[in-house]
């Protein structure tokens, strides 16, 4: 197992008054992971140029992580831990304040979860009547452009959790969040099934390259 004692230094980063940009954060992470690296700032800049953002780097697939020149097991483990910590922080806040109370917080959470997934993934956020998050579960994972999901499976899980409100979310690895005809039909079928059981589909959000599109705002249902 790699030595993770450097993680204790992350607590010091919380004392910063200003929120650092991606380059500063990544440079600090590299310094903590590899204190003997001769040019952490240059490596950080190179990685950001390669991936486009810190978020894209943190959520990169394992095979992509392993292809990074100069990376080590400790480097990969640390980035995974940082990403998981960010997701859990967003999730904790959503459970406390309610999923629908802060759209910016919801967007940050969904982006952290799915914005850089290499294949399509369908997730459902199950909420109680007070809009608190009961569970966030992946109910389908497919190819780069298709994921099968069945309304009966969504409803079965919603009944098990005693959910009242559902938020369906999936990503488009192509980067274009525009809905396909299949996306629209799937949304309408899930919404109809939910209505029959006294539940509400609050929205179906599609994520592509950090952009979020609301099918509710598009008038799909």
Protein backbone atom coordinates (compact mmCIF):
# COMPACT_ATOMS: atom_id res chain seq x y z
CA UNK A 1 0.00 0.00 0.00
CA UNK A 2 1.30 3.50 -0.76
CA UNK A 3 2.19 5.80 2.10
CA UNK A 4 -0.79 8.12 2.58
CA UNK A 5 0.58 10.03 5.57
CA UNK A 6 0.77 13.15 3.40
CA UNK A 7 -3.03 13.37 3.51
CA UNK A 8 -2.73 14.97 6.93
CA UNK A 9 -1.38 18.00 5.13
CA UNK A 10 -4.64 18.49 3.30
CA UNK A 11 -6.16 19.92 6.46
CA UNK A 12 -3.81 22.88 6.17
CA UNK A 13 -5.34 23.74 2.79
CA UNK A 14 -8.64 24.50 4.51
CA UNK A 15 -7.03 27.49 6.26
CA UNK A 16 -6.65 29.36 2.96
CA UNK A 17 -8.73 32.52 2.89
CA UNK A 18 -9.04 32.64 -0.89
CA UNK A 19 -10.34 29.74 -2.94
CA UNK A 20 -7.38 28.65 -5.09
CA UNK A 21 -7.76 27.92 -8.78
CA UNK A 22 -7.26 24.49 -10.36
CA UNK A 23 -3.56 25.07 -10.98
CA UNK A 24 -2.84 26.05 -7.38
CA UNK A 25 -4.84 23.13 -5.97
CA UNK A 26 -3.18 20.57 -8.23
CA UNK A 27 0.28 22.01 -7.58
CA UNK A 28 -0.32 21.67 -3.84
CA UNK A 29 -1.57 18.10 -4.25
CA UNK A 30 1.51 17.15 -6.26
CA UNK A 31 3.72 18.75 -3.61
CA UNK A 32 2.02 16.68 -0.92
CA UNK A 33 2.15 13.45 -2.91
CA UNK A 34 5.64 13.88 -4.34
CA UNK A 35 7.54 16.40 -2.21
CA UNK A 36 10.74 15.75 -4.17
CA UNK A 37 9.22 16.51 -7.56
CA UNK A 38 11.43 19.21 -9.14
CA UNK A 39 8.64 21.20 -10.82
CA UNK A 40 5.17 20.48 -9.37
CA UNK A 41 3.74 23.68 -10.85
CA UNK A 42 4.89 22.80 -14.36
CA UNK A 43 3.57 19.24 -14.08
CA UNK A 44 0.25 20.59 -12.78
CA UNK A 45 -0.02 22.95 -15.75
CA UNK A 46 0.79 20.10 -18.15
CA UNK A 47 -1.93 17.91 -16.63
CA UNK A 48 -4.50 20.69 -16.80
CA UNK A 49 -3.63 21.31 -20.45
CA UNK A 50 -4.05 17.59 -21.10
CA UNK A 51 -7.34 17.10 -19.24
CA UNK A 52 -8.88 20.56 -19.45
CA UNK A 53 -9.73 20.92 -15.76
CA UNK A 54 -9.01 19.51 -12.32
CA UNK A 55 -12.48 17.94 -12.26
CA UNK A 56 -11.77 16.06 -15.49
CA UNK A 57 -8.46 14.80 -14.11
CA UNK A 58 -9.97 13.66 -10.82
CA UNK A 59 -12.73 11.70 -12.55
CA UNK A 60 -10.58 10.21 -15.33
CA UNK A 61 -10.91 6.42 -15.80
CA UNK A 62 -8.21 4.21 -14.29
CA UNK A 63 -6.72 3.28 -17.65
CA UNK A 64 -6.31 6.95 -18.48
CA UNK A 65 -4.77 7.67 -15.07
CA UNK A 66 -2.25 4.89 -15.61
CA UNK A 67 -1.18 6.40 -18.93
CA UNK A 68 -0.10 9.69 -17.34
CA UNK A 69 3.64 10.15 -17.65
CA UNK A 70 5.31 10.25 -14.24
CA UNK A 71 2.30 9.05 -12.26
CA UNK A 72 2.68 6.65 -9.33
CA UNK A 73 0.24 4.46 -7.36
CA UNK A 74 0.23 7.10 -4.61
CA UNK A 75 -0.69 9.77 -7.17
CA UNK A 76 -3.62 7.75 -8.52
CA UNK A 77 -4.88 6.77 -5.05
CA UNK A 78 -4.75 10.36 -3.84
CA UNK A 79 -6.69 11.74 -6.79
CA UNK A 80 -9.31 9.02 -6.30
CA UNK A 81 -9.58 9.93 -2.61
CA UNK A 82 -9.95 13.64 -3.38
CA UNK A 83 -12.65 12.92 -5.94
CA UNK A 84 -14.53 10.61 -3.57
CA UNK A 85 -14.27 13.18 -0.77
CA UNK A 86 -15.72 15.88 -3.04
CA UNK A 87 -18.64 13.66 -4.05
CA UNK A 88 -19.38 12.73 -0.44
CA UNK A 89 -19.23 16.36 0.66
CA UNK A 90 -21.80 17.33 -1.97
CA UNK A 91 -23.95 14.35 -1.03
CA UNK A 92 -23.87 15.22 2.67
CA UNK A 93 -24.98 18.79 1.94
CA UNK A 94 -27.82 17.57 -0.26
CA UNK A 95 -29.02 15.25 2.48
CA UNK A 96 -28.98 18.13 4.96
CA UNK A 97 -30.54 20.99 3.00
CA UNK A 98 -32.57 19.05 0.45
CA UNK A 99 -31.80 18.27 -3.17
CA UNK A 100 -34.14 20.87 -4.66
CA UNK A 101 -33.20 23.75 -2.36
CA UNK A 102 -29.88 24.61 -3.99
CA UNK A 103 -29.66 24.05 -7.74
CA UNK A 104 -26.01 25.13 -7.83
CA UNK A 105 -25.13 22.51 -5.22
CA UNK A 106 -27.07 19.88 -7.15
CA UNK A 107 -25.28 20.81 -10.36
CA UNK A 108 -21.89 20.56 -8.66
CA UNK A 109 -22.76 17.14 -7.28
CA UNK A 110 -24.08 15.77 -10.57
CA UNK A 111 -21.10 17.14 -12.46
CA UNK A 112 -18.69 15.51 -10.01
CA UNK A 113 -20.50 12.21 -10.44
CA UNK A 114 -21.02 12.03 -14.19
CA UNK A 115 -19.52 14.87 -16.22
CA UNK A 116 -16.48 12.86 -17.30
CA UNK A 117 -17.80 9.29 -17.35
CA UNK A 118 -16.54 7.54 -20.52
CA UNK A 119 -19.79 5.56 -21.05
CA UNK A 120 -23.45 6.37 -20.49
CA UNK A 121 -24.68 5.89 -16.95
CA UNK A 122 -28.20 6.40 -15.64
CA UNK A 123 -28.63 7.34 -12.01
CA UNK A 124 -31.74 8.10 -9.99
CA UNK A 125 -31.86 10.35 -6.95
CA UNK A 126 -34.62 9.14 -4.63
CA UNK A 127 -36.05 11.86 -2.36
CA UNK A 128 -38.52 11.94 0.49
CA UNK A 129 -41.42 14.41 0.74
CA UNK A 130 -39.11 17.01 2.28
CA UNK A 131 -36.79 16.75 -0.75
CA UNK A 132 -34.06 15.08 1.33
CA UNK A 133 -31.84 12.60 -0.47
CA UNK A 134 -32.65 9.01 0.46
CA UNK A 135 -30.34 7.37 -2.05
CA UNK A 136 -28.43 8.02 -5.25
CA UNK A 137 -28.14 4.81 -7.23
CA UNK A 138 -26.89 3.76 -10.63
CA UNK A 139 -29.68 1.85 -12.36
CA UNK A 140 -28.10 1.48 -15.77
CA UNK A 141 -24.70 1.53 -17.44
CA UNK A 142 -24.27 1.00 -21.15
CA UNK A 143 -22.12 2.02 -24.09
CA UNK A 144 -20.81 5.39 -25.21
CA UNK A 145 -24.24 6.33 -26.56
CA UNK A 146 -26.92 4.08 -25.06
CA UNK A 147 -28.05 2.79 -21.68
CA UNK A 148 -31.13 0.61 -21.24
CA UNK A 149 -33.27 1.41 -18.20
CA UNK A 150 -36.69 0.02 -17.34
CA UNK A 151 -39.42 2.00 -15.55
CA UNK A 152 -40.47 -1.04 -13.51
CA UNK A 153 -36.97 -1.31 -12.01
CA UNK A 154 -36.99 2.38 -11.11
CA UNK A 155 -40.42 2.09 -9.50
CA UNK A 156 -39.52 -1.09 -7.64
CA UNK A 157 -36.54 0.62 -6.04
CA UNK A 158 -38.54 3.77 -5.30
CA UNK A 159 -41.15 1.70 -3.44
CA UNK A 160 -38.44 -0.08 -1.46
CA UNK A 161 -37.00 3.27 -0.36
CA UNK A 162 -40.46 4.81 0.21
CA UNK A 163 -39.45 7.68 -2.05
CA UNK A 164 -41.86 10.42 -3.08
CA UNK A 165 -39.80 12.34 -5.63
CA UNK A 166 -37.36 11.12 -8.28
CA UNK A 167 -34.63 12.92 -10.18
CA UNK A 168 -33.35 10.95 -13.17
CA UNK A 169 -29.84 11.79 -14.34
CA UNK A 170 -27.64 10.47 -17.10
CA UNK A 171 -24.58 11.57 -19.03
CA UNK A 172 -23.73 11.90 -22.70
CA UNK A 173 -20.02 11.06 -23.16
CA UNK A 174 -20.16 12.82 -26.53
CA UNK A 175 -20.37 16.10 -24.62
CA UNK A 176 -23.67 17.16 -26.19
CA UNK A 177 -26.46 17.11 -23.57
CA UNK A 178 -29.24 17.34 -26.18
CA UNK A 179 -31.83 14.59 -25.56
CA UNK A 180 -32.31 11.76 -28.01
CA UNK A 181 -35.76 10.44 -28.88
CA UNK A 182 -35.02 7.45 -26.62
CA UNK A 183 -34.20 9.83 -23.76
CA UNK A 184 -37.53 11.58 -24.20
CA UNK A 185 -39.54 8.35 -24.37
CA UNK A 186 -37.75 6.91 -21.34
CA UNK A 187 -38.49 10.05 -19.34
CA UNK A 188 -42.16 10.06 -20.26
CA UNK A 189 -42.58 6.37 -19.38
CA UNK A 190 -40.90 6.77 -15.99
CA UNK A 191 -42.98 9.88 -15.26
CA UNK A 192 -46.21 8.07 -16.17
CA UNK A 193 -45.31 5.08 -13.98
CA UNK A 194 -44.43 7.38 -11.09
CA UNK A 195 -47.76 9.21 -11.36
CA UNK A 196 -49.67 5.93 -11.16
CA UNK A 197 -47.88 5.15 -7.88
CA UNK A 198 -48.35 8.61 -6.38
CA UNK A 199 -44.77 9.74 -6.98
CA UNK A 200 -43.33 12.66 -8.92
CA UNK A 201 -40.45 12.81 -11.37
CA UNK A 202 -39.08 16.26 -10.60
CA UNK A 203 -36.67 16.31 -13.53
CA UNK A 204 -34.48 14.35 -15.89
CA UNK A 205 -31.08 16.00 -16.17
CA UNK A 206 -28.62 15.19 -18.95
CA UNK A 207 -24.95 16.02 -18.44
CA UNK A 208 -22.42 16.58 -21.22
CA UNK A 209 -18.96 18.10 -20.78
CA UNK A 210 -20.02 19.89 -17.61
CA UNK A 211 -23.20 21.30 -19.19
CA UNK A 212 -26.54 20.33 -17.70
CA UNK A 213 -29.81 20.21 -19.62
CA UNK A 214 -33.15 19.91 -17.85
CA UNK A 215 -35.81 17.95 -19.73
CA UNK A 216 -38.41 19.54 -17.48
CA UNK A 217 -37.34 23.00 -18.60
CA UNK A 218 -37.37 21.71 -22.19
CA UNK A 219 -41.04 20.81 -21.76
CA UNK A 220 -40.57 17.08 -22.34
CA UNK A 221 -42.92 16.20 -19.47
